[in-house]
Amino acid sequence: MPLSGDDSRCPICGEKNNCASVQGREIEKCWCMQKVFTPGLFKQIPLESRGKACVCVKCVGRQKKEGED
């Protein structure tokens, strides 16, 4: 699903990203602060969507599974 312009949705899959910043909370308390984001994950984000919306926890988890040997 392409990014809809809604910063509460993941730019890769379109699911809710549960971003603390979007929800009005401190970014330091966001789930993403405890995760590692690989360059491969960032490459999946369409160029026009980079820096505009956060990736969801499912896509972050999927990157780990796909990267494991």
Protein backbone atom coordinates (compact mmCIF):
# COMPACT_ATOMS: atom_id res chain seq x y z
CA MET A 1 0.00 0.00 0.00
CA PRO A 2 1.55 3.35 -0.93
CA LEU A 3 1.85 6.21 1.54
CA SER A 4 -1.38 8.13 1.74
CA GLY A 5 0.10 11.34 3.13
CA ASP A 6 -1.01 10.25 6.61
CA ASP A 7 2.03 10.38 8.92
CA SER A 8 0.37 7.91 11.30
CA ARG A 9 0.78 5.15 8.68
CA CYS A 10 3.84 3.15 7.68
CA PRO A 11 5.22 4.24 4.29
CA ILE A 12 6.07 0.62 3.45
CA CYS A 13 2.87 -1.29 4.24
CA GLY A 14 0.29 1.39 5.14
CA GLU A 15 -0.45 -0.02 8.62
CA LYS A 16 -0.61 2.29 11.66
CA ASN A 17 2.91 3.05 12.86
CA ASN A 18 2.01 3.98 16.47
CA CYS A 19 4.51 6.84 16.42
CA ALA A 20 4.72 8.64 19.76
CA SER A 21 5.34 11.98 18.03
CA VAL A 22 2.20 11.66 15.90
CA GLN A 23 0.24 10.77 19.04
CA GLY A 24 1.52 13.88 20.84
CA ARG A 25 3.90 12.04 23.15
CA GLU A 26 7.62 12.52 23.66
CA ILE A 27 9.64 10.87 20.89
CA GLU A 28 12.03 9.45 23.50
CA LYS A 29 9.18 7.22 24.69
CA CYS A 30 8.42 5.83 21.24
CA TRP A 31 8.74 2.09 20.60
CA CYS A 32 11.20 2.81 17.80
CA MET A 33 13.85 4.12 20.18
CA GLN A 34 14.50 0.53 21.26
CA LYS A 35 14.80 -0.86 17.70
CA VAL A 36 17.52 -1.10 15.08
CA PHE A 37 16.74 0.06 11.56
CA THR A 38 18.93 -1.40 8.83
CA PRO A 39 19.89 0.38 5.61
CA GLY A 40 17.89 -2.28 3.76
CA LEU A 41 14.73 -1.23 5.57
CA PHE A 42 15.23 2.41 4.64
CA LYS A 43 15.71 1.41 0.99
CA GLN A 44 12.14 0.01 1.03
CA ILE A 45 10.69 3.44 1.81
CA PRO A 46 9.71 5.29 -1.37
CA LEU A 47 11.98 8.32 -1.89
CA GLU A 48 9.06 10.75 -1.75
CA SER A 49 8.01 9.32 1.64
CA ARG A 50 11.37 9.35 3.44
CA GLY A 51 11.43 11.55 6.50
CA LYS A 52 7.67 12.07 6.43
CA ALA A 53 6.28 9.04 8.28
CA CYS A 54 7.62 6.32 10.56
CA VAL A 55 7.91 2.65 9.66
CA CYS A 56 5.66 0.32 11.70
CA VAL A 57 6.84 -2.32 14.18
CA LYS A 58 5.74 -5.14 11.83
CA CYS A 59 8.01 -3.92 9.04
CA VAL A 60 10.89 -3.48 11.48
CA GLY A 61 10.34 -7.06 12.69
CA ARG A 62 10.09 -8.37 9.16
CA GLN A 63 13.48 -6.86 8.25
CA LYS A 64 15.08 -8.91 11.03
CA LYS A 65 13.45 -12.16 9.91
CA GLU A 66 14.34 -11.61 6.26
CA GLY A 67 17.92 -10.71 7.15
CA GLU A 68 18.53 -13.83 9.25
CA ASP A 69 20.34 -16.76 7.66
